Each structure stands twice: as C-alpha cells, then as structure tokens.
C-alpha cells in the first residue's frame, strides 16, 4: 500500500477514487511520563517518552486508515493529512492522532 501526503503519485495514473479513509488513536499520557517530560522541558532536551508515544499513536492511526483503504480495494492513499492534539480529560491529558486521506487505485 502506497501512502503519500501529495495529491497525486508522480509517474503513475490514478484510475479510480474510492473515497475518504481515516484512522484515529487516542493515547493516555502516564502521570510519571508527564512529570518527567516537564522536568526535561525545564532543563532542556527532548522527551523520549512523548516521542515514543507520538510514533506509536501515528502508527496505529496510519494502520487503521490503511486497513480501511484495503477494505475498499485501494492500492494507495493520497493527500494524507496528520493531526496531533492533546485532550484534557478528568485531570489527565490524552494524546490524539488523527489521519485521513483519499483511497485510490493507481496503475503504471
């Protein structure tokens, strides 16, 4: 499955547009990771815990979107858009990654 954020595939011809596909992942942010990340923010550096969670959430969302595209018979998804949000719920933060694109069939 070819995934791209461009609206077309260079050197290929899109022969059928199958519709919008999407995927979401909402991950709970562990309180200890939150505390550690805040300390890292104060003293500088990167928060590896959050980076790992972002990667994991992105992979889950992309996987869901890809499964939808496969279910429609697509061999590619074009125009992919990734969005990241934090959601405050009950005193804790949740990380949400949403992804959407257009499932297509392309040929050489």
Protein backbone atom coordinates (compact mmCIF):
# COMPACT_ATOMS: atom_id res chain seq x y z
CA UNK A 1 0.00 0.00 0.00
CA UNK A 2 1.46 3.32 -1.09
CA UNK A 3 0.85 6.17 1.35
CA UNK A 4 1.60 9.77 0.38
CA UNK A 5 0.68 13.25 1.51
CA UNK A 6 0.76 14.52 -2.08
CA UNK A 7 -2.47 14.72 -4.10
CA UNK A 8 -1.09 12.51 -6.87
CA UNK A 9 1.58 9.89 -7.49
CA UNK A 10 4.37 11.08 -9.74
CA UNK A 11 4.75 8.89 -12.80
CA UNK A 12 1.54 6.96 -12.05
CA UNK A 13 -2.05 7.44 -13.16
CA UNK A 14 -4.88 7.38 -10.63
CA UNK A 15 -7.70 5.48 -12.31
CA UNK A 16 -10.28 5.43 -9.53
CA UNK A 17 -11.01 7.46 -6.40
CA UNK A 18 -12.62 5.27 -3.75
CA UNK A 19 -13.31 7.83 -1.05
CA UNK A 20 -12.10 9.21 2.25
CA UNK A 21 -10.38 6.90 4.71
CA UNK A 22 -9.29 7.77 8.23
CA UNK A 23 -7.73 6.46 11.40
CA UNK A 24 -7.50 7.70 14.96
CA UNK A 25 -5.51 6.85 18.03
CA UNK A 26 -6.03 8.30 21.48
CA UNK A 27 -3.32 7.51 23.99
CA UNK A 28 -3.34 8.16 27.71
CA UNK A 29 -0.37 10.12 28.99
CA UNK A 30 1.07 8.46 32.09
CA UNK A 31 1.44 10.85 35.05
CA UNK A 32 5.07 9.82 35.61
CA UNK A 33 5.87 10.47 31.95
CA UNK A 34 4.16 13.87 32.31
CA UNK A 35 6.30 14.78 35.32
CA UNK A 36 9.49 13.58 33.63
CA UNK A 37 8.60 15.46 30.42
CA UNK A 38 8.03 18.68 32.37
CA UNK A 39 11.42 18.33 34.06
CA UNK A 40 13.05 17.76 30.66
CA UNK A 41 11.24 20.84 29.31
CA UNK A 42 12.61 22.94 32.17
CA UNK A 43 16.21 21.77 31.83
CA UNK A 44 16.10 21.34 28.05
CA UNK A 45 16.37 18.32 25.86
CA UNK A 46 13.85 16.05 24.26
CA UNK A 47 11.18 13.96 25.91
CA UNK A 48 11.82 10.47 24.61
CA UNK A 49 8.71 9.13 26.36
CA UNK A 50 6.42 11.51 24.48
CA UNK A 51 8.26 10.98 21.20
CA UNK A 52 7.77 7.23 21.57
CA UNK A 53 4.05 7.67 22.29
CA UNK A 54 3.67 10.00 19.30
CA UNK A 55 5.29 7.44 17.00
CA UNK A 56 3.12 4.65 18.40
CA UNK A 57 -0.09 6.69 18.04
CA UNK A 58 0.84 7.70 14.49
CA UNK A 59 1.50 4.05 13.53
CA UNK A 60 -1.86 2.97 14.98
CA UNK A 61 -3.77 5.73 13.16
CA UNK A 62 -1.99 5.03 9.86
CA UNK A 63 -2.65 1.30 10.30
CA UNK A 64 -6.39 1.89 10.78
CA UNK A 65 -6.53 4.14 7.73
CA UNK A 66 -4.62 1.59 5.64
CA UNK A 67 -6.99 -1.20 6.70
CA UNK A 68 -9.96 0.89 5.56
CA UNK A 69 -8.27 1.53 2.21
CA UNK A 70 -7.52 -2.17 1.72
CA UNK A 71 -11.15 -2.93 2.50
CA UNK A 72 -12.19 -0.62 -0.33
CA UNK A 73 -9.79 -2.32 -2.75
CA UNK A 74 -7.29 0.57 -2.90
CA UNK A 75 -3.60 0.21 -3.63
CA UNK A 76 -2.73 3.72 -2.40
CA UNK A 77 -3.86 6.58 -0.20
CA UNK A 78 -3.13 10.10 -1.40
CA UNK A 79 -3.49 13.52 0.19
CA UNK A 80 -2.77 12.20 3.68
CA UNK A 81 -3.14 14.72 6.50
CA UNK A 82 -1.89 14.01 10.03
CA UNK A 83 -3.20 15.99 13.00
CA UNK A 84 -1.98 15.91 16.59
CA UNK A 85 -4.00 17.19 19.56
CA UNK A 86 -3.92 16.97 23.32
CA UNK A 87 -7.19 16.48 25.11
CA UNK A 88 -7.59 17.26 28.81
CA UNK A 89 -9.87 14.73 30.47
CA UNK A 90 -10.51 14.36 34.19
CA UNK A 91 -7.25 15.99 35.26
CA UNK A 92 -5.13 13.98 32.83
CA UNK A 93 -4.06 14.62 29.28
CA UNK A 94 -4.71 12.36 26.34
CA UNK A 95 -2.81 12.48 23.06
CA UNK A 96 -4.90 12.16 19.91
CA UNK A 97 -3.53 11.49 16.45
CA UNK A 98 -5.93 11.55 13.53
CA UNK A 99 -5.09 10.84 9.93
CA UNK A 100 -7.15 10.95 6.77
CA UNK A 101 -6.63 10.67 3.06
CA UNK A 102 -8.23 9.53 -0.18
CA UNK A 103 -8.16 5.85 -1.09
CA UNK A 104 -7.33 5.36 -4.76
CA UNK A 105 -6.42 2.77 -7.34
CA UNK A 106 -3.42 3.68 -9.48
CA UNK A 107 -1.62 1.97 -12.32
CA UNK A 108 1.74 2.40 -14.02
